[in-house]
C-alpha atoms as a PDB file:
ATOM      1  CA  LEU A   1       0.000   0.000   0.000  1.00  0.00           C
ATOM      2  CA  THR A   2       1.159   3.521  -0.715  1.00  0.00           C
ATOM      3  CA  LYS A   3       1.277   6.156   2.012  1.00  0.00           C
ATOM      4  CA  GLY A   4      -1.924   7.713   0.637  1.00  0.00           C
ATOM      5  CA  GLN A   5      -3.751   4.369   0.569  1.00  0.00           C
ATOM      6  CA  CYS A   6      -2.691   3.645   4.162  1.00  0.00           C
ATOM      7  CA  GLY A   7      -4.139   7.003   5.242  1.00  0.00           C
ATOM      8  CA  ALA A   8      -7.425   6.281   3.491  1.00  0.00           C
ATOM      9  CA  VAL A   9      -7.681   2.845   5.139  1.00  0.00           C
ATOM     10  CA  ARG A  10      -6.819   4.302   8.570  1.00  0.00           C
ATOM     11  CA  SER A  11      -9.454   7.030   8.132  1.00  0.00           C
ATOM     12  CA  PHE A  12     -12.088   4.460   7.113  1.00  0.00           C
ATOM     13  CA  LEU A  13     -11.303   2.253  10.131  1.00  0.00           C
ATOM     14  CA  GLN A  14     -11.474   5.211  12.524  1.00  0.00           C
ATOM     15  CA  LYS A  15     -14.935   6.101  11.199  1.00  0.00           C
ATOM     16  CA  GLN A  16     -16.018   2.474  11.666  1.00  0.00           C
ATOM     17  CA  ARG A  17     -14.600   2.276  15.169  1.00  0.00           C
ATOM     18  CA  GLY A  18     -15.395   5.792  16.353  1.00  0.00           C
ATOM     19  CA  PRO A  19     -13.157   8.701  17.346  1.00  0.00           C
ATOM     20  CA  SER A  20     -11.350   7.004  20.235  1.00  0.00           C
ATOM     21  CA  GLY A  21     -10.648   3.769  18.316  1.00  0.00           C
ATOM     22  CA  SER A  22     -13.284   1.917  20.351  1.00  0.00           C
ATOM     23  CA  ARG A  23     -15.874  -0.315  18.753  1.00  0.00           C
ATOM     24  CA  ARG A  24     -18.790   1.440  17.090  1.00  0.00           C
ATOM     25  CA  LYS A  25     -21.740   1.816  19.462  1.00  0.00           C
ATOM     26  CA  ILE A  26     -25.196   0.602  18.524  1.00  0.00           C
ATOM     27  CA  SER A  27     -27.841   3.263  19.059  1.00  0.00           C
ATOM     28  CA  HIS A  28     -31.212   2.489  20.653  1.00  0.00           C
ATOM     29  CA  ALA A  29     -32.954   3.516  17.413  1.00  0.00           C
ATOM     30  CA  GLN A  30     -31.228   0.640  15.581  1.00  0.00           C
ATOM     31  CA  VAL A  31     -32.836  -2.011  17.839  1.00  0.00           C
ATOM     32  CA  LYS A  32     -36.201  -0.389  18.573  1.00  0.00           C
ATOM     33  CA  GLY A  33     -39.246  -2.521  17.843  1.00  0.00           C
ATOM     34  CA  LYS A  34     -37.713  -5.650  16.302  1.00  0.00           C
ATOM     35  CA  GLY A  35     -38.065  -7.887  19.353  1.00  0.00           C
ATOM     36  CA  GLN A  36     -35.701 -10.056  21.370  1.00  0.00           C
ATOM     37  CA  LEU A  37     -34.476 -13.649  21.315  1.00  0.00           C
ATOM     38  CA  LYS A  38     -33.389 -15.732  24.301  1.00  0.00           C
ATOM     39  CA  LEU A  39     -30.665 -18.228  23.505  1.00  0.00           C
ATOM     40  CA  SER A  40     -27.597 -19.942  24.879  1.00  0.00           C
ATOM     41  CA  ILE A  41     -24.426 -21.103  23.158  1.00  0.00           C
ATOM     42  CA  GLU A  42     -22.224 -23.683  24.817  1.00  0.00           C
ATOM     43  CA  VAL A  43     -18.969 -25.132  23.504  1.00  0.00           C
ATOM     44  CA  GLN A  44     -18.277 -28.876  23.762  1.00  0.00           C
ATOM     45  CA  GLY A  45     -14.886 -29.525  22.205  1.00  0.00           C
ATOM     46  CA  ARG A  46     -15.194 -28.180  18.653  1.00  0.00           C
ATOM     47  CA  ILE A  47     -18.997 -28.315  18.634  1.00  0.00           C
ATOM     48  CA  LEU A  48     -21.197 -25.281  19.244  1.00  0.00           C
ATOM     49  CA  VAL A  49     -24.408 -26.268  21.045  1.00  0.00           C
ATOM     50  CA  LEU A  50     -27.067 -23.638  20.353  1.00  0.00           C
ATOM     51  CA  HIS A  51     -30.256 -23.621  22.433  1.00  0.00           C
ATOM     52  CA  ILE A  52     -32.990 -21.407  20.973  1.00  0.00           C
ATOM     53  CA  MET A  53     -35.338 -20.808  23.906  1.00  0.00           C
ATOM     54  CA  GLU A  54     -37.950 -18.155  23.150  1.00  0.00           C
ATOM     55  CA  ALA A  55     -38.590 -14.743  21.613  1.00  0.00           C
ATOM     56  CA  LYS A  56     -40.622 -11.756  22.710  1.00  0.00           C
ATOM     57  CA  GLY A  57     -42.047  -8.627  21.154  1.00  0.00           C
ATOM     58  CA  LEU A  58     -42.154  -9.991  17.599  1.00  0.00           C
ATOM     59  CA  ILE A  59     -44.411  -8.011  15.307  1.00  0.00           C
ATOM     60  CA  GLY A  60     -45.314  -8.897  11.730  1.00  0.00           C
ATOM     61  CA  LYS A  61     -46.688  -6.661   8.990  1.00  0.00           C
ATOM     62  CA  GLU A  62     -49.529  -4.362  10.051  1.00  0.00           C
ATOM     63  CA  TYR A  63     -48.592  -5.126  13.678  1.00  0.00           C
ATOM     64  CA  GLN A  64     -50.089  -8.610  13.541  1.00  0.00           C
ATOM     65  CA  THR A  65     -48.862 -11.651  15.447  1.00  0.00           C
ATOM     66  CA  CYS A  66     -46.175 -13.742  13.783  1.00  0.00           C
ATOM     67  CA  ASN A  67     -45.764 -17.234  12.449  1.00  0.00           C
ATOM     68  CA  SER A  68     -42.112 -17.213  13.422  1.00  0.00           C
ATOM     69  CA  TYR A  69     -39.126 -19.499  13.150  1.00  0.00           C
ATOM     70  CA  VAL A  70     -35.393 -19.152  13.706  1.00  0.00           C
ATOM     71  CA  LYS A  71     -32.697 -20.079  11.170  1.00  0.00           C
ATOM     72  CA  MET A  72     -29.042 -20.559  12.087  1.00  0.00           C
ATOM     73  CA  SER A  73     -25.930 -21.044   9.968  1.00  0.00           C
ATOM     74  CA  ILE A  74     -22.217 -20.471   9.958  1.00  0.00           C
ATOM     75  CA  VAL A  75     -21.602 -17.810   7.297  1.00  0.00           C
ATOM     76  CA  PRO A  76     -20.384 -17.388   4.696  1.00  0.00           C
ATOM     77  CA  ASP A  77     -21.711 -20.794   3.623  1.00  0.00           C
ATOM     78  CA  ALA A  78     -21.794 -21.239  -0.150  1.00  0.00           C
ATOM     79  CA  ASP A  79     -23.199 -24.783  -0.229  1.00  0.00           C
ATOM     80  CA  TRP A  80     -25.884 -24.447   2.497  1.00  0.00           C
ATOM     81  CA  LYS A  81     -24.396 -27.423   4.334  1.00  0.00           C
ATOM     82  CA  CYS A  82     -24.811 -26.143   7.873  1.00  0.00           C
ATOM     83  CA  ARG A  83     -28.153 -24.296   7.879  1.00  0.00           C
ATOM     84  CA  GLN A  84     -30.703 -25.407  10.448  1.00  0.00           C
ATOM     85  CA  LYS A  85     -34.069 -24.063  11.610  1.00  0.00           C
ATOM     86  CA  THR A  86     -36.632 -24.372  14.375  1.00  0.00           C
ATOM     87  CA  LYS A  87     -40.241 -25.371  13.963  1.00  0.00           C
ATOM     88  CA  THR A  88     -42.663 -22.544  13.119  1.00  0.00           C
ATOM     89  CA  VAL A  89     -44.676 -21.213  16.056  1.00  0.00           C
ATOM     90  CA  ARG A  90     -47.993 -19.837  14.810  1.00  0.00           C
ATOM     91  CA  ASP A  91     -49.839 -16.690  15.880  1.00  0.00           C
ATOM     92  CA  SER A  92     -47.549 -15.504  18.646  1.00  0.00           C
ATOM     93  CA  LYS A  93     -45.640 -12.337  19.482  1.00  0.00           C
ATOM     94  CA  ASN A  94     -43.836 -14.329  22.189  1.00  0.00           C
ATOM     95  CA  PRO A  95     -43.072 -17.780  20.708  1.00  0.00           C
ATOM     96  CA  VAL A  96     -41.433 -20.552  22.742  1.00  0.00           C
ATOM     97  CA  PHE A  97     -39.092 -22.859  20.809  1.00  0.00           C
ATOM     98  CA  HIS A  98     -36.804 -24.770  23.237  1.00  0.00           C
ATOM     99  CA  GLU A  99     -34.828 -26.509  20.506  1.00  0.00           C
ATOM    100  CA  HIS A 100     -31.146 -27.514  20.477  1.00  0.00           C
ATOM    101  CA  PHE A 101     -28.810 -27.459  17.460  1.00  0.00           C
ATOM    102  CA  LEU A 102     -25.261 -28.746  16.997  1.00  0.00           C
ATOM    103  CA  PHE A 103     -22.702 -26.987  14.807  1.00  0.00           C
ATOM    104  CA  PRO A 104     -19.424 -28.907  14.379  1.00  0.00           C
ATOM    105  CA  VAL A 105     -16.657 -26.358  13.736  1.00  0.00           C
ATOM    106  CA  GLN A 106     -13.919 -27.051  11.191  1.00  0.00           C
ATOM    107  CA  GLU A 107     -10.662 -25.090  11.262  1.00  0.00           C
ATOM    108  CA  GLU A 108     -11.733 -23.065   8.202  1.00  0.00           C
ATOM    109  CA  ASP A 109     -14.926 -22.010  10.052  1.00  0.00           C
ATOM    110  CA  GLU A 110     -13.006 -20.137  12.759  1.00  0.00           C
ATOM    111  CA  GLN A 111     -12.942 -16.907  10.719  1.00  0.00           C
ATOM    112  CA  LYS A 112     -16.702 -17.121  10.050  1.00  0.00           C
ATOM    113  CA  ARG A 113     -19.741 -16.033  12.062  1.00  0.00           C
ATOM    114  CA  LEU A 114     -22.657 -17.924  13.587  1.00  0.00           C
ATOM    115  CA  LEU A 115     -25.672 -16.099  12.129  1.00  0.00           C
ATOM    116  CA  VAL A 116     -29.044 -16.345  13.909  1.00  0.00           C
ATOM    117  CA  THR A 117     -32.047 -14.955  11.998  1.00  0.00           C
ATOM    118  CA  VAL A 118     -35.716 -14.723  13.043  1.00  0.00           C
ATOM    119  CA  TRP A 119     -38.351 -14.934  10.305  1.00  0.00           C
ATOM    120  CA  ASN A 120     -42.107 -14.414   9.979  1.00  0.00           C
ATOM    121  CA  ARG A 121     -43.873 -16.738   7.543  1.00  0.00           C
ATOM    122  CA  GLU A 122     -46.632 -14.852   5.747  1.00  0.00           C
ATOM    123  CA  ARG A 123     -50.129 -16.255   6.227  1.00  0.00           C
ATOM    124  CA  ASN A 124     -51.380 -18.450   3.357  1.00  0.00           C
ATOM    125  CA  SER A 125     -48.030 -18.149   1.589  1.00  0.00           C
ATOM    126  CA  ARG A 126     -44.578 -19.671   1.415  1.00  0.00           C
ATOM    127  CA  GLN A 127     -43.050 -16.182   1.624  1.00  0.00           C
ATOM    128  CA  SER A 128     -41.148 -15.157   4.754  1.00  0.00           C
ATOM    129  CA  GLU A 129     -39.951 -11.778   5.971  1.00  0.00           C
ATOM    130  CA  LEU A 130     -36.842 -11.221   8.065  1.00  0.00           C
ATOM    131  CA  ILE A 131     -37.737  -9.794  11.483  1.00  0.00           C
ATOM    132  CA  GLY A 132     -34.166  -9.414  12.731  1.00  0.00           C
ATOM    133  CA  CYS A 133     -30.856 -11.134  13.303  1.00  0.00           C
ATOM    134  CA  MET A 134     -27.588 -11.266  15.243  1.00  0.00           C
ATOM    135  CA  SER A 135     -24.235 -12.963  14.799  1.00  0.00           C
ATOM    136  CA  PHE A 136     -21.320 -14.197  16.885  1.00  0.00           C
ATOM    137  CA  GLY A 137     -17.692 -14.678  15.831  1.00  0.00           C
ATOM    138  CA  VAL A 138     -16.988 -18.432  15.749  1.00  0.00           C
ATOM    139  CA  LYS A 139     -13.396 -18.029  16.965  1.00  0.00           C
ATOM    140  CA  SER A 140     -14.491 -15.929  19.940  1.00  0.00           C
ATOM    141  CA  LEU A 141     -17.153 -18.525  20.842  1.00  0.00           C
ATOM    142  CA  LEU A 142     -14.537 -21.308  20.801  1.00  0.00           C
ATOM    143  CA  THR A 143     -12.184 -19.370  23.084  1.00  0.00           C
ATOM    144  CA  LEU A 144     -14.805 -18.253  25.609  1.00  0.00           C
ATOM    145  CA  ASP A 145     -14.504 -19.767  29.053  1.00  0.00           C
ATOM    146  CA  LYS A 146     -18.161 -19.092  29.838  1.00  0.00           C
ATOM    147  CA  GLU A 147     -21.468 -19.927  28.203  1.00  0.00           C
ATOM    148  CA  ILE A 148     -23.257 -17.211  26.193  1.00  0.00           C
ATOM    149  CA  SER A 149     -26.765 -17.027  27.584  1.00  0.00           C
ATOM    150  CA  GLY A 150     -29.657 -14.600  27.857  1.00  0.00           C
ATOM    151  CA  TRP A 151     -31.793 -12.166  25.900  1.00  0.00           C
ATOM    152  CA  TYR A 152     -30.389 -10.506  22.770  1.00  0.00           C
ATOM    153  CA  TYR A 153     -31.879  -7.747  20.640  1.00  0.00           C
ATOM    154  CA  LEU A 154     -32.893  -8.574  17.081  1.00  0.00           C
ATOM    155  CA  LEU A 155     -30.932  -6.193  14.862  1.00  0.00           C
ATOM    156  CA  GLY A 156     -31.492  -5.118  11.270  1.00  0.00           C
ATOM    157  CA  GLU A 157     -29.766  -7.270   8.644  1.00  0.00           C
ATOM    158  CA  ASP A 158     -26.945  -4.806   7.956  1.00  0.00           C
ATOM    159  CA  LEU A 159     -25.957  -4.620  11.640  1.00  0.00           C
ATOM    160  CA  GLY A 160     -26.963  -8.129  12.721  1.00  0.00           C
ATOM    161  CA  ARG A 161     -24.657  -9.837  10.214  1.00  0.00           C
ATOM    162  CA  THR A 162     -21.657  -8.389  12.075  1.00  0.00           C
ATOM    163  CA  LYS A 163     -22.825  -7.845  15.680  1.00  0.00           C
ATOM    164  CA  HIS A 164     -24.956  -8.994  18.593  1.00  0.00           C
ATOM    165  CA  LEU A 165     -26.262  -6.924  21.479  1.00  0.00           C
ATOM    166  CA  LYS A 166     -27.213  -8.399  24.822  1.00  0.00           C
ATOM    167  CA  VAL A 167     -30.240  -6.928  26.583  1.00  0.00           C
ATOM    168  CA  ALA A 168     -29.018  -5.166  29.741  1.00  0.00           C
ATOM    169  CA  MET A 169     -30.761  -6.274  32.902  1.00  0.00           C
ATOM    170  CA  ARG A 170     -32.293  -3.464  34.927  1.00  0.00           C
ATOM    171  CA  ARG A 171     -31.239  -3.250  38.554  1.00  0.00           C
END
């Protein structure tokens, strides 16, 4: 890279990370109204064990209840080999799933992300709309010494493909 290109890259990264070099903050407006998902992720050797528990505050089109389901995959995934999904829970803003999924992690998956998406299946149709999503870095999940567990905000697709945001508990 030339000196000019290095400056452009540095400037871009600072804008992404914020003025102090810290990670970019997620504003409340970016998570408002999409709902929340309760899940846990446990590591057993090189297997991620994902427990999708329940969701709350899901709203479909025209503020109707949802026919919701959750899809999970390690992305990018060109051949769809590791995509899994829950059953569809009909007519609920607060669906309960309680389903477990196993994701064996290969060495090449360590640079990927575990993407969790929540969908609403349209009534009388095979069409589905994305309600929201979140993602976790596979490598960081493998190196964690504690289980990931709790409520997480559903983010828009642009943000959710690169981040997750835990719901803060009020004291």
